[in-house]
Amino acid sequence: MNFFPEHTPIFAEKRRNLDEFIAYNEREIEIIKSANYPNRKELAERVNKTICPNLVFSVLDGKSDSVGWFVMGMSVDSLMRYLRVVK
């Protein structure tokens, strides 16, 4: 950012959006884990109400170690679409 200080506000906003997106999904996963849904269908109904169901399923099923690891593997285009939703 030293070479392009005019981009600092945009970068800061996107970083804040990214932090909010990660925190939101971590909270959702904790809420879902603590609910102890009796079957996969009820779990899926709840997960599908989140902003990014594939992320939540991936972490819950152990396919991704954490929300952060999942986010690092997302394409930039996909991630930017989700960051607009979090606002």
Protein backbone atom coordinates (compact mmCIF):
# COMPACT_ATOMS: atom_id res chain seq x y z
CA MET A 1 0.00 0.00 0.00
CA ASN A 2 3.01 2.27 0.30
CA PHE A 3 3.16 2.74 -3.47
CA PHE A 4 -0.59 3.32 -3.91
CA PRO A 5 -1.87 5.10 -0.79
CA GLU A 6 -5.04 6.15 -2.60
CA HIS A 7 -6.16 2.49 -2.47
CA THR A 8 -5.77 2.23 1.32
CA PRO A 9 -9.44 3.04 2.14
CA ILE A 10 -10.73 0.48 -0.35
CA PHE A 11 -8.32 -2.15 0.93
CA ALA A 12 -9.31 -1.41 4.54
CA GLU A 13 -13.02 -1.73 3.69
CA LYS A 14 -12.53 -5.07 1.91
CA ARG A 15 -10.37 -6.33 4.78
CA ARG A 16 -13.11 -5.38 7.23
CA ASN A 17 -15.71 -7.13 5.04
CA LEU A 18 -13.51 -10.23 4.90
CA ASP A 19 -13.10 -10.25 8.70
CA GLU A 20 -16.89 -9.87 9.11
CA PHE A 21 -17.52 -12.71 6.63
CA ILE A 22 -15.16 -15.03 8.50
CA ALA A 23 -16.56 -14.07 11.91
CA TYR A 24 -20.15 -14.53 10.69
CA ASN A 25 -19.43 -18.03 9.39
CA GLU A 26 -17.51 -19.02 12.52
CA ARG A 27 -20.48 -17.91 14.66
CA GLU A 28 -22.93 -19.80 12.45
CA ILE A 29 -20.85 -22.98 12.69
CA GLU A 30 -20.70 -22.74 16.49
CA ILE A 31 -24.46 -22.17 16.71
CA ILE A 32 -25.14 -25.11 14.42
CA LYS A 33 -22.73 -27.39 16.30
CA SER A 34 -24.31 -26.54 19.64
CA ALA A 35 -27.84 -27.19 18.32
CA ASN A 36 -27.17 -30.93 17.88
CA TYR A 37 -29.58 -31.49 15.02
CA PRO A 38 -31.04 -35.01 15.15
CA ASN A 39 -30.61 -35.74 11.46
CA ARG A 40 -28.84 -34.51 8.35
CA LYS A 41 -32.04 -33.14 6.80
CA GLU A 42 -32.71 -30.73 9.67
CA LEU A 43 -29.04 -29.76 9.72
CA ALA A 44 -29.15 -29.07 5.97
CA GLU A 45 -32.27 -26.93 6.31
CA ARG A 46 -30.46 -24.75 8.86
CA VAL A 47 -27.16 -24.60 6.97
CA ASN A 48 -28.90 -23.61 3.73
CA LYS A 49 -30.12 -20.43 5.46
CA THR A 50 -26.54 -19.19 5.92
CA ILE A 51 -24.76 -16.85 3.50
CA CYS A 52 -22.33 -19.53 2.28
CA PRO A 53 -23.72 -23.04 2.86
CA ASN A 54 -20.89 -24.80 1.02
CA LEU A 55 -18.36 -23.23 3.41
CA VAL A 56 -20.37 -24.27 6.48
CA PHE A 57 -20.85 -27.85 5.22
CA SER A 58 -17.17 -28.12 4.33
CA VAL A 59 -16.08 -27.17 7.85
CA LEU A 60 -18.77 -29.23 9.60
CA ASP A 61 -17.92 -32.31 7.53
CA GLY A 62 -14.19 -31.94 8.19
CA LYS A 63 -13.34 -31.30 4.54
CA SER A 64 -11.87 -27.94 5.50
CA ASP A 65 -9.90 -27.31 8.69
CA SER A 66 -11.44 -23.90 9.34
CA VAL A 67 -13.37 -21.02 7.82
CA GLY A 68 -10.09 -19.25 7.11
CA TRP A 69 -8.66 -22.20 5.19
CA PHE A 70 -11.84 -22.49 3.13
CA VAL A 71 -11.79 -18.77 2.32
CA MET A 72 -8.16 -18.95 1.19
CA GLY A 73 -9.17 -21.57 -1.37
CA MET A 74 -12.05 -19.52 -2.80
CA SER A 75 -11.68 -17.77 -6.13
CA VAL A 76 -11.42 -14.00 -5.92
CA ASP A 77 -14.63 -13.54 -7.92
CA SER A 78 -16.58 -15.84 -5.64
CA LEU A 79 -15.18 -14.25 -2.51
CA MET A 80 -15.99 -10.73 -3.72
CA ARG A 81 -19.63 -11.73 -4.38
CA TYR A 82 -19.93 -13.00 -0.80
CA LEU A 83 -18.26 -9.92 0.66
CA ARG A 84 -20.93 -7.74 -0.92
CA VAL A 85 -23.61 -9.79 0.88
CA VAL A 86 -22.03 -9.33 4.32
CA LYS A 87 -22.28 -5.52 4.36
